[in-house]
Amino acid sequence: MFTLQISYPVRDYEAFKKVFDSDPAGRAASGARSVRLFRDTDDQNSVAVLLDFDTKDAATVFLDRLRSEVWDKPEVIGQLMTAAPTARILEEVAREGEGAG
């Protein structure tokens, strides 16, 4: 499994959440198996998103779409973010505890 990990430095969490919930890059159709949204306990405007994909290619295609269709839009990033989001693709190599196969 591959996880796309994205960090968003948002201006206003509620405004960000509205856009996130509208799924502008098509998470639902991209092959994302699960989506998890986190907020930093010390900084509620620091948001992390983890999206799980079956393949690295699927994660890469979705990240490319996210960059071109959402992040490259100044009206989105300028209004919602204090800085550009960062992302990386992680490969799961081990799992323990709940949900372990």
PDB file of N, CA and C in Angstrom:
ATOM      1  N   MET A   1       0.848  -1.169   0.000  1.00  0.00           N
ATOM      2  CA  MET A   1       0.000   0.000   0.000  1.00  0.00           C
ATOM      3  C   MET A   1       0.892   1.230   0.000  1.00  0.00           C
ATOM      4  N   PHE A   2       0.398   2.295  -0.628  1.00  0.00           N
ATOM      5  CA  PHE A   2       1.113   3.554  -0.715  1.00  0.00           C
ATOM      6  C   PHE A   2       0.233   4.650  -0.127  1.00  0.00           C
ATOM      7  N   THR A   3       0.857   5.517   0.655  1.00  0.00           N
ATOM      8  CA  THR A   3       0.128   6.600   1.313  1.00  0.00           C
ATOM      9  C   THR A   3       0.665   7.934   0.842  1.00  0.00           C
ATOM     10  N   LEU A   4      -0.229   8.763   0.346  1.00  0.00           N
ATOM     11  CA  LEU A   4       0.103  10.137   0.005  1.00  0.00           C
ATOM     12  C   LEU A   4      -0.112  10.964   1.265  1.00  0.00           C
ATOM     13  N   GLN A   5       0.966  11.558   1.761  1.00  0.00           N
ATOM     14  CA  GLN A   5       0.929  12.361   2.979  1.00  0.00           C
ATOM     15  C   GLN A   5       1.048  13.826   2.576  1.00  0.00           C
ATOM     16  N   ILE A   6       0.061  14.620   2.943  1.00  0.00           N
ATOM     17  CA  ILE A   6       0.045  16.035   2.578  1.00  0.00           C
ATOM     18  C   ILE A   6      -0.061  16.878   3.843  1.00  0.00           C
ATOM     19  N   SER A   7       0.748  17.922   3.913  1.00  0.00           N
ATOM     20  CA  SER A   7       0.690  18.887   5.021  1.00  0.00           C
ATOM     21  C   SER A   7       0.177  20.205   4.479  1.00  0.00           C
ATOM     22  N   TYR A   8      -0.872  20.705   5.114  1.00  0.00           N
ATOM     23  CA  TYR A   8      -1.487  21.962   4.711  1.00  0.00           C
ATOM     24  C   TYR A   8      -1.371  22.988   5.837  1.00  0.00           C
ATOM     25  N   PRO A   9      -0.690  24.106   5.625  1.00  0.00           N
ATOM     26  CA  PRO A   9      -0.704  25.210   6.588  1.00  0.00           C
ATOM     27  C   PRO A   9      -1.880  26.139   6.233  1.00  0.00           C
ATOM     28  N   VAL A  10      -3.009  25.962   6.879  1.00  0.00           N
ATOM     29  CA  VAL A  10      -4.229  26.674   6.475  1.00  0.00           C
ATOM     30  C   VAL A  10      -4.437  27.956   7.277  1.00  0.00           C
ATOM     31  N   ARG A  11      -5.132  28.903   6.654  1.00  0.00           N
ATOM     32  CA  ARG A  11      -5.476  30.163   7.331  1.00  0.00           C
ATOM     33  C   ARG A  11      -6.654  29.960   8.288  1.00  0.00           C
ATOM     34  N   ASP A  12      -7.632  29.209   7.829  1.00  0.00           N
ATOM     35  CA  ASP A  12      -8.879  29.020   8.578  1.00  0.00           C
ATOM     36  C   ASP A  12      -9.338  27.580   8.326  1.00  0.00           C
ATOM     37  N   TYR A  13      -9.325  26.770   9.368  1.00  0.00           N
ATOM     38  CA  TYR A  13      -9.641  25.350   9.198  1.00  0.00           C
ATOM     39  C   TYR A  13     -11.037  25.146   8.606  1.00  0.00           C
ATOM     40  N   GLU A  14     -12.023  25.872   9.077  1.00  0.00           N
ATOM     41  CA  GLU A  14     -13.401  25.667   8.598  1.00  0.00           C
ATOM     42  C   GLU A  14     -13.511  25.960   7.103  1.00  0.00           C
ATOM     43  N   ALA A  15     -12.853  27.005   6.626  1.00  0.00           N
ATOM     44  CA  ALA A  15     -12.867  27.331   5.200  1.00  0.00           C
ATOM     45  C   ALA A  15     -12.146  26.225   4.413  1.00  0.00           C
ATOM     46  N   PHE A  16     -11.025  25.770   4.927  1.00  0.00           N
ATOM     47  CA  PHE A  16     -10.296  24.672   4.284  1.00  0.00           C
ATOM     48  C   PHE A  16     -11.171  23.424   4.214  1.00  0.00           C
ATOM     49  N   LYS A  17     -11.836  23.101   5.302  1.00  0.00           N
ATOM     50  CA  LYS A  17     -12.641  21.878   5.384  1.00  0.00           C
ATOM     51  C   LYS A  17     -13.776  21.894   4.364  1.00  0.00           C
ATOM     52  N   LYS A  18     -14.351  23.060   4.122  1.00  0.00           N
ATOM     53  CA  LYS A  18     -15.411  23.162   3.118  1.00  0.00           C
ATOM     54  C   LYS A  18     -14.887  22.783   1.736  1.00  0.00           C
ATOM     55  N   VAL A  19     -13.729  23.310   1.379  1.00  0.00           N
ATOM     56  CA  VAL A  19     -13.134  22.988   0.085  1.00  0.00           C
ATOM     57  C   VAL A  19     -12.720  21.519   0.052  1.00  0.00           C
ATOM     58  N   PHE A  20     -12.108  21.041   1.116  1.00  0.00           N
ATOM     59  CA  PHE A  20     -11.695  19.637   1.202  1.00  0.00           C
ATOM     60  C   PHE A  20     -12.885  18.709   0.995  1.00  0.00           C
ATOM     61  N   ASP A  21     -13.993  19.002   1.669  1.00  0.00           N
ATOM     62  CA  ASP A  21     -15.188  18.164   1.566  1.00  0.00           C
ATOM     63  C   ASP A  21     -15.792  18.171   0.158  1.00  0.00           C
ATOM     64  N   SER A  22     -15.565  19.247  -0.596  1.00  0.00           N
ATOM     65  CA  SER A  22     -16.107  19.312  -1.958  1.00  0.00           C
ATOM     66  C   SER A  22     -15.301  18.443  -2.929  1.00  0.00           C
ATOM     67  N   ASP A  23     -14.141  17.961  -2.490  1.00  0.00           N
ATOM     68  CA  ASP A  23     -13.317  17.021  -3.247  1.00  0.00           C
ATOM     69  C   ASP A  23     -12.961  17.549  -4.641  1.00  0.00           C
ATOM     70  N   PRO A  24     -12.298  18.727  -4.712  1.00  0.00           N
ATOM     71  CA  PRO A  24     -12.044  19.346  -6.017  1.00  0.00           C
ATOM     72  C   PRO A  24     -11.106  18.565  -6.935  1.00  0.00           C
ATOM     73  N   ALA A  25     -10.274  17.693  -6.408  1.00  0.00           N
ATOM     74  CA  ALA A  25      -9.361  16.918  -7.259  1.00  0.00           C
ATOM     75  C   ALA A  25      -9.874  15.504  -7.524  1.00  0.00           C
ATOM     76  N   GLY A  26     -11.020  15.165  -6.983  1.00  0.00           N
ATOM     77  CA  GLY A  26     -11.625  13.865  -7.271  1.00  0.00           C
ATOM     78  C   GLY A  26     -11.032  12.692  -6.509  1.00  0.00           C
ATOM     79  N   ARG A  27     -10.865  12.863  -5.200  1.00  0.00           N
ATOM     80  CA  ARG A  27     -10.362  11.746  -4.372  1.00  0.00           C
ATOM     81  C   ARG A  27     -11.200  10.498  -4.587  1.00  0.00           C
ATOM     82  N   ALA A  28     -12.489  10.680  -4.601  1.00  0.00           N
ATOM     83  CA  ALA A  28     -13.409   9.543  -4.675  1.00  0.00           C
ATOM     84  C   ALA A  28     -13.199   8.729  -5.950  1.00  0.00           C
ATOM     85  N   ALA A  29     -12.873   9.385  -7.049  1.00  0.00           N
ATOM     86  CA  ALA A  29     -12.704   8.699  -8.327  1.00  0.00           C
ATOM     87  C   ALA A  29     -11.246   8.336  -8.620  1.00  0.00           C
ATOM     88  N   SER A  30     -10.348   8.695  -7.729  1.00  0.00           N
ATOM     89  CA  SER A  30      -8.916   8.540  -7.991  1.00  0.00           C
ATOM     90  C   SER A  30      -8.346   7.194  -7.593  1.00  0.00           C
ATOM     91  N   GLY A  31      -9.143   6.409  -6.883  1.00  0.00           N
ATOM     92  CA  GLY A  31      -8.637   5.136  -6.389  1.00  0.00           C
ATOM     93  C   GLY A  31      -8.167   5.197  -4.948  1.00  0.00           C
ATOM     94  N   ALA A  32      -8.387   6.320  -4.283  1.00  0.00           N
ATOM     95  CA  ALA A  32      -8.021   6.411  -2.868  1.00  0.00           C
ATOM     96  C   ALA A  32      -8.868   5.417  -2.079  1.00  0.00           C
ATOM     97  N   ARG A  33      -8.205   4.516  -1.373  1.00  0.00           N
ATOM     98  CA  ARG A  33      -8.909   3.500  -0.580  1.00  0.00           C
ATOM     99  C   ARG A  33      -9.431   4.064   0.725  1.00  0.00           C
ATOM    100  N   SER A  34      -8.685   4.999   1.299  1.00  0.00           N
ATOM    101  CA  SER A  34      -9.133   5.660   2.516  1.00  0.00           C
ATOM    102  C   SER A  34      -8.515   7.047   2.578  1.00  0.00           C
ATOM    103  N   VAL A  35      -9.188   7.918   3.301  1.00  0.00           N
ATOM    104  CA  VAL A  35      -8.726   9.291   3.482  1.00  0.00           C
ATOM    105  C   VAL A  35      -8.833   9.599   4.965  1.00  0.00           C
ATOM    106  N   ARG A  36      -7.728  10.077   5.535  1.00  0.00           N
ATOM    107  CA  ARG A  36      -7.724  10.473   6.945  1.00  0.00           C
ATOM    108  C   ARG A  36      -7.262  11.914   7.055  1.00  0.00           C
ATOM    109  N   LEU A  37      -7.956  12.671   7.864  1.00  0.00           N
ATOM    110  CA  LEU A  37      -7.686  14.098   8.058  1.00  0.00           C
ATOM    111  C   LEU A  37      -7.322  14.320   9.515  1.00  0.00           C
ATOM    112  N   PHE A  38      -6.205  15.033   9.748  1.00  0.00           N
ATOM    113  CA  PHE A  38      -5.707  15.281  11.100  1.00  0.00           C
ATOM    114  C   PHE A  38      -5.461  16.775  11.294  1.00  0.00           C
ATOM    115  N   ARG A  39      -5.585  17.222  12.544  1.00  0.00           N
ATOM    116  CA  ARG A  39      -5.194  18.581  12.919  1.00  0.00           C
ATOM    117  C   ARG A  39      -4.171  18.494  14.036  1.00  0.00           C
ATOM    118  N   ASP A  40      -3.169  19.347  13.960  1.00  0.00           N
ATOM    119  CA  ASP A  40      -2.151  19.411  15.003  1.00  0.00           C
ATOM    120  C   ASP A  40      -2.822  19.843  16.310  1.00  0.00           C
ATOM    121  N   THR A  41      -2.491  19.198  17.406  1.00  0.00           N
ATOM    122  CA  THR A  41      -3.132  19.523  18.690  1.00  0.00           C
ATOM    123  C   THR A  41      -2.691  20.874  19.230  1.00  0.00           C
ATOM    124  N   ASP A  42      -1.530  21.358  18.803  1.00  0.00           N
ATOM    125  CA  ASP A  42      -1.050  22.662  19.264  1.00  0.00           C
ATOM    126  C   ASP A  42      -1.336  23.781  18.278  1.00  0.00           C
ATOM    127  N   ASP A  43      -1.587  23.455  17.032  1.00  0.00           N
ATOM    128  CA  ASP A  43      -1.863  24.451  15.988  1.00  0.00           C
ATOM    129  C   ASP A  43      -2.999  23.918  15.124  1.00  0.00           C
ATOM    130  N   GLN A  44      -4.214  24.316  15.425  1.00  0.00           N
ATOM    131  CA  GLN A  44      -5.396  23.794  14.747  1.00  0.00           C
ATOM    132  C   GLN A  44      -5.448  24.137  13.260  1.00  0.00           C
ATOM    133  N   ASN A  45      -4.576  25.040  12.808  1.00  0.00           N
ATOM    134  CA  ASN A  45      -4.526  25.383  11.389  1.00  0.00           C
ATOM    135  C   ASN A  45      -3.407  24.644  10.656  1.00  0.00           C
ATOM    136  N   SER A  46      -2.800  23.696  11.318  1.00  0.00           N
ATOM    137  CA  SER A  46      -1.833  22.813  10.682  1.00  0.00           C
ATOM    138  C   SER A  46      -2.539  21.480  10.450  1.00  0.00           C
ATOM    139  N   VAL A  47      -2.769  21.170   9.193  1.00  0.00           N
ATOM    140  CA  VAL A  47      -3.599  20.022   8.826  1.00  0.00           C
ATOM    141  C   VAL A  47      -2.761  18.992   8.057  1.00  0.00           C
ATOM    142  N   ALA A  48      -2.990  17.732   8.344  1.00  0.00           N
ATOM    143  CA  ALA A  48      -2.355  16.643   7.609  1.00  0.00           C
ATOM    144  C   ALA A  48      -3.441  15.755   7.020  1.00  0.00           C
ATOM    145  N   VAL A  49      -3.207  15.326   5.795  1.00  0.00           N
ATOM    146  CA  VAL A  49      -4.125  14.422   5.115  1.00  0.00           C
ATOM    147  C   VAL A  49      -3.328  13.198   4.676  1.00  0.00           C
ATOM    148  N   LEU A  50      -3.874  12.018   4.936  1.00  0.00           N
ATOM    149  CA  LEU A  50      -3.271  10.767   4.495  1.00  0.00           C
ATOM    150  C   LEU A  50      -4.270  10.052   3.595  1.00  0.00           C
ATOM    151  N   LEU A  51      -3.853   9.754   2.376  1.00  0.00           N
ATOM    152  CA  LEU A  51      -4.692   9.052   1.411  1.00  0.00           C
ATOM    153  C   LEU A  51      -3.995   7.752   1.031  1.00  0.00           C
ATOM    154  N   ASP A  52      -4.676   6.631   1.131  1.00  0.00           N
ATOM    155  CA  ASP A  52      -4.098   5.330   0.818  1.00  0.00           C
ATOM    156  C   ASP A  52      -4.494   4.884  -0.583  1.00  0.00           C
ATOM    157  N   PHE A  53      -3.496   4.375  -1.316  1.00  0.00           N
ATOM    158  CA  PHE A  53      -3.686   3.888  -2.679  1.00  0.00           C
ATOM    159  C   PHE A  53      -3.069   2.501  -2.804  1.00  0.00           C
ATOM    160  N   ASP A  54      -3.570   1.724  -3.740  1.00  0.00           N
ATOM    161  CA  ASP A  54      -3.021   0.390  -3.988  1.00  0.00           C
ATOM    162  C   ASP A  54      -1.655   0.448  -4.653  1.00  0.00           C
ATOM    163  N   THR A  55      -1.442   1.464  -5.499  1.00  0.00           N
ATOM    164  CA  THR A  55      -0.189   1.540  -6.249  1.00  0.00           C
ATOM    165  C   THR A  55       0.441   2.923  -6.125  1.00  0.00           C
ATOM    166  N   LYS A  56       1.748   2.965  -6.331  1.00  0.00           N
ATOM    167  CA  LYS A  56       2.461   4.245  -6.334  1.00  0.00           C
ATOM    168  C   LYS A  56       1.978   5.093  -7.509  1.00  0.00           C
ATOM    169  N   ASP A  57       1.726   4.464  -8.638  1.00  0.00           N
ATOM    170  CA  ASP A  57       1.257   5.201  -9.811  1.00  0.00           C
ATOM    171  C   ASP A  57      -0.060   5.919  -9.534  1.00  0.00           C
ATOM    172  N   ALA A  58      -0.983   5.256  -8.868  1.00  0.00           N
ATOM    173  CA  ALA A  58      -2.267   5.879  -8.548  1.00  0.00           C
ATOM    174  C   ALA A  58      -2.065   7.084  -7.631  1.00  0.00           C
ATOM    175  N   ALA A  59      -1.180   6.956  -6.647  1.00  0.00           N
ATOM    176  CA  ALA A  59      -0.894   8.068  -5.738  1.00  0.00           C
ATOM    177  C   ALA A  59      -0.244   9.216  -6.494  1.00  0.00           C
ATOM    178  N   THR A  60       0.666   8.895  -7.402  1.00  0.00           N
ATOM    179  CA  THR A  60       1.359   9.915  -8.183  1.00  0.00           C
ATOM    180  C   THR A  60       0.403  10.656  -9.115  1.00  0.00           C
ATOM    181  N   VAL A  61      -0.465   9.915  -9.779  1.00  0.00           N
ATOM    182  CA  VAL A  61      -1.448  10.534 -10.677  1.00  0.00           C
ATOM    183  C   VAL A  61      -2.357  11.479  -9.894  1.00  0.00           C
ATOM    184  N   PHE A  62      -2.810  11.037  -8.725  1.00  0.00           N
ATOM    185  CA  PHE A  62      -3.675  11.901  -7.932  1.00  0.00           C
ATOM    186  C   PHE A  62      -2.919  13.142  -7.463  1.00  0.00           C
ATOM    187  N   LEU A  63      -1.676  12.988  -7.007  1.00  0.00           N
ATOM    188  CA  LEU A  63      -0.889  14.141  -6.570  1.00  0.00           C
ATOM    189  C   LEU A  63      -0.683  15.121  -7.720  1.00  0.00           C
ATOM    190  N   ASP A  64      -0.398  14.626  -8.909  1.00  0.00           N
ATOM    191  CA  ASP A  64      -0.239  15.500 -10.077  1.00  0.00           C
ATOM    192  C   ASP A  64      -1.526  16.268 -10.365  1.00  0.00           C
ATOM    193  N   ARG A  65      -2.665  15.587 -10.273  1.00  0.00           N
ATOM    194  CA  ARG A  65      -3.957  16.239 -10.495  1.00  0.00           C
ATOM    195  C   ARG A  65      -4.215  17.290  -9.425  1.00  0.00           C
ATOM    196  N   LEU A  66      -3.895  16.954  -8.185  1.00  0.00           N
ATOM    197  CA  LEU A  66      -4.081  17.897  -7.085  1.00  0.00           C
ATOM    198  C   LEU A  66      -3.251  19.159  -7.320  1.00  0.00           C
ATOM    199  N   ARG A  67      -2.009  18.968  -7.726  1.00  0.00           N
ATOM    200  CA  ARG A  67      -1.136  20.126  -7.987  1.00  0.00           C
ATOM    201  C   ARG A  67      -1.663  20.982  -9.129  1.00  0.00           C
ATOM    202  N   SER A  68      -2.061  20.359 -10.228  1.00  0.00           N
ATOM    203  CA  SER A  68      -2.463  21.132 -11.405  1.00  0.00           C
ATOM    204  C   SER A  68      -3.876  21.706 -11.314  1.00  0.00           C
ATOM    205  N   GLU A  69      -4.772  21.002 -10.657  1.00  0.00           N
ATOM    206  CA  GLU A  69      -6.169  21.444 -10.638  1.00  0.00           C
ATOM    207  C   GLU A  69      -6.566  22.198  -9.377  1.00  0.00           C
ATOM    208  N   VAL A  70      -5.754  22.106  -8.332  1.00  0.00           N
ATOM    209  CA  VAL A  70      -6.119  22.781  -7.080  1.00  0.00           C
ATOM    210  C   VAL A  70      -4.986  23.689  -6.600  1.00  0.00           C
ATOM    211  N   TRP A  71      -3.824  23.128  -6.368  1.00  0.00           N
ATOM    212  CA  TRP A  71      -2.735  23.900  -5.774  1.00  0.00           C
ATOM    213  C   TRP A  71      -2.229  25.010  -6.673  1.00  0.00           C
ATOM    214  N   ASP A  72      -2.305  24.837  -7.983  1.00  0.00           N
ATOM    215  CA  ASP A  72      -1.825  25.864  -8.905  1.00  0.00           C
ATOM    216  C   ASP A  72      -2.826  26.997  -9.105  1.00  0.00           C
ATOM    217  N   LYS A  73      -3.928  26.957  -8.423  1.00  0.00           N
ATOM    218  CA  LYS A  73      -4.943  28.006  -8.514  1.00  0.00           C
ATOM    219  C   LYS A  73      -4.696  29.044  -7.412  1.00  0.00           C
ATOM    220  N   PRO A  74      -4.246  30.237  -7.766  1.00  0.00           N
ATOM    221  CA  PRO A  74      -3.951  31.248  -6.742  1.00  0.00           C
ATOM    222  C   PRO A  74      -5.156  31.578  -5.858  1.00  0.00           C
ATOM    223  N   GLU A  75      -6.345  31.499  -6.439  1.00  0.00           N
ATOM    224  CA  GLU A  75      -7.540  31.823  -5.642  1.00  0.00           C
ATOM    225  C   GLU A  75      -7.773  30.786  -4.554  1.00  0.00           C
ATOM    226  N   VAL A  76      -7.311  29.565  -4.752  1.00  0.00           N
ATOM    227  CA  VAL A  76      -7.454  28.530  -3.725  1.00  0.00           C
ATOM    228  C   VAL A  76      -6.338  28.654  -2.699  1.00  0.00           C
ATOM    229  N   ILE A  77      -5.115  28.582  -3.162  1.00  0.00           N
ATOM    230  CA  ILE A  77      -3.978  28.605  -2.250  1.00  0.00           C
ATOM    231  C   ILE A  77      -3.874  29.943  -1.532  1.00  0.00           C
ATOM    232  N   GLY A  78      -4.025  31.045  -2.261  1.00  0.00           N
ATOM    233  CA  GLY A  78      -3.914  32.370  -1.646  1.00  0.00           C
ATOM    234  C   GLY A  78      -4.934  32.615  -0.550  1.00  0.00           C
ATOM    235  N   GLN A  79      -6.128  32.117  -0.734  1.00  0.00           N
ATOM    236  CA  GLN A  79      -7.190  32.337   0.245  1.00  0.00           C
ATOM    237  C   GLN A  79      -7.155  31.338   1.389  1.00  0.00           C
ATOM    238  N   LEU A  80      -6.720  30.122   1.126  1.00  0.00           N
ATOM    239  CA  LEU A  80      -6.814  29.065   2.131  1.00  0.00           C
ATOM    240  C   LEU A  80      -5.515  28.757   2.866  1.00  0.00           C
ATOM    241  N   MET A  81      -4.364  29.020   2.241  1.00  0.00           N
ATOM    242  CA  MET A  81      -3.081  28.582   2.805  1.00  0.00           C
ATOM    243  C   MET A  81      -2.201  29.761   3.225  1.00  0.00           C
ATOM    244  N   THR A  82      -1.386  29.515   4.224  1.00  0.00           N
ATOM    245  CA  THR A  82      -0.386  30.500   4.623  1.00  0.00           C
ATOM    246  C   THR A  82       0.933  30.230   3.899  1.00  0.00           C
ATOM    247  N   ALA A  83       1.083  29.057   3.326  1.00  0.00           N
ATOM    248  CA  ALA A  83       2.250  28.652   2.542  1.00  0.00           C
ATOM    249  C   ALA A  83       1.812  27.502   1.645  1.00  0.00           C
ATOM    250  N   ALA A  84       2.670  27.130   0.722  1.00  0.00           N
ATOM    251  CA  ALA A  84       2.336  26.021  -0.178  1.00  0.00           C
ATOM    252  C   ALA A  84       2.270  24.701   0.593  1.00  0.00           C
ATOM    253  N   PRO A  85       1.336  23.827   0.231  1.00  0.00           N
ATOM    254  CA  PRO A  85       1.281  22.496   0.839  1.00  0.00           C
ATOM    255  C   PRO A  85       2.524  21.692   0.455  1.00  0.00           C
ATOM    256  N   THR A  86       2.841  20.717   1.258  1.00  0.00           N
ATOM    257  CA  THR A  86       3.921  19.794   0.928  1.00  0.00           C
ATOM    258  C   THR A  86       3.353  18.386   0.885  1.00  0.00           C
ATOM    259  N   ALA A  87       3.976  17.539   0.074  1.00  0.00           N
ATOM    260  CA  ALA A  87       3.459  16.173  -0.078  1.00  0.00           C
ATOM    261  C   ALA A  87       4.598  15.207  -0.345  1.00  0.00           C
ATOM    262  N   ARG A  88       4.358  13.969   0.055  1.00  0.00           N
ATOM    263  CA  ARG A  88       5.271  12.881  -0.270  1.00  0.00           C
ATOM    264  C   ARG A  88       4.472  11.589  -0.302  1.00  0.00           C
ATOM    265  N   ILE A  89       5.016  10.625  -1.043  1.00  0.00           N
ATOM    266  CA  ILE A  89       4.377   9.320  -1.149  1.00  0.00           C
ATOM    267  C   ILE A  89       5.204   8.329  -0.348  1.00  0.00           C
ATOM    268  N   LEU A  90       4.530   7.647   0.557  1.00  0.00           N
ATOM    269  CA  LEU A  90       5.176   6.670   1.436  1.00  0.00           C
ATOM    270  C   LEU A  90       4.730   5.266   1.057  1.00  0.00           C
ATOM    271  N   GLU A  91       5.654   4.328   1.134  1.00  0.00           N
ATOM    272  CA  GLU A  91       5.318   2.926   0.895  1.00  0.00           C
ATOM    273  C   GLU A  91       5.255   2.203   2.234  1.00  0.00           C
ATOM    274  N   GLU A  92       4.134   1.547   2.501  1.00  0.00           N
ATOM    275  CA  GLU A  92       4.012   0.779   3.739  1.00  0.00           C
ATOM    276  C   GLU A  92       4.865  -0.480   3.633  1.00  0.00           C
ATOM    277  N   VAL A  93       5.742  -0.662   4.615  1.00  0.00           N
ATOM    278  CA  VAL A  93       6.619  -1.835   4.600  1.00  0.00           C
ATOM    279  C   VAL A  93       6.383  -2.757   5.788  1.00  0.00           C
ATOM    280  N   ALA A  94       5.642  -2.290   6.780  1.00  0.00           N
ATOM    281  CA  ALA A  94       5.293  -3.127   7.927  1.00  0.00           C
ATOM    282  C   ALA A  94       4.082  -2.507   8.626  1.00  0.00           C
ATOM    283  N   ARG A  95       3.343  -3.359   9.326  1.00  0.00           N
ATOM    284  CA  ARG A  95       2.184  -2.893  10.089  1.00  0.00           C
ATOM    285  C   ARG A  95       2.037  -3.771  11.313  1.00  0.00           C
ATOM    286  N   GLU A  96       1.777  -3.155  12.441  1.00  0.00           N
ATOM    287  CA  GLU A  96       1.534  -3.892  13.682  1.00  0.00           C
ATOM    288  C   GLU A  96       0.253  -3.377  14.302  1.00  0.00           C
ATOM    289  N   GLY A  97      -0.314  -4.167  15.190  1.00  0.00           N
ATOM    290  CA  GLY A  97      -1.493  -3.724  15.918  1.00  0.00           C
ATOM    291  C   GLY A  97      -2.766  -3.820  15.118  1.00  0.00           C
ATOM    292  N   GLU A  98      -3.732  -2.970  15.464  1.00  0.00           N
ATOM    293  CA  GLU A  98      -5.050  -2.988  14.850  1.00  0.00           C
ATOM    294  C   GLU A  98      -4.950  -2.833  13.344  1.00  0.00           C
ATOM    295  N   GLY A  99      -5.644  -3.655  12.609  1.00  0.00           N
ATOM    296  CA  GLY A  99      -5.662  -3.593  11.164  1.00  0.00           C
ATOM    297  C   GLY A  99      -4.507  -4.297  10.501  1.00  0.00           C
ATOM    298  N   ALA A 100      -3.629  -4.900  11.296  1.00  0.00           N
ATOM    299  CA  ALA A 100      -2.480  -5.598  10.702  1.00  0.00           C
ATOM    300  C   ALA A 100      -2.954  -6.848   9.975  1.00  0.00           C
ATOM    301  N   GLY A 101      -2.352  -7.110   8.832  1.00  0.00           N
ATOM    302  CA  GLY A 101      -2.739  -8.261   8.011  1.00  0.00           C
ATOM    303  C   GLY A 101      -1.958  -9.417   8.408  1.00  0.00           C
TER     304      GLY A 101
END
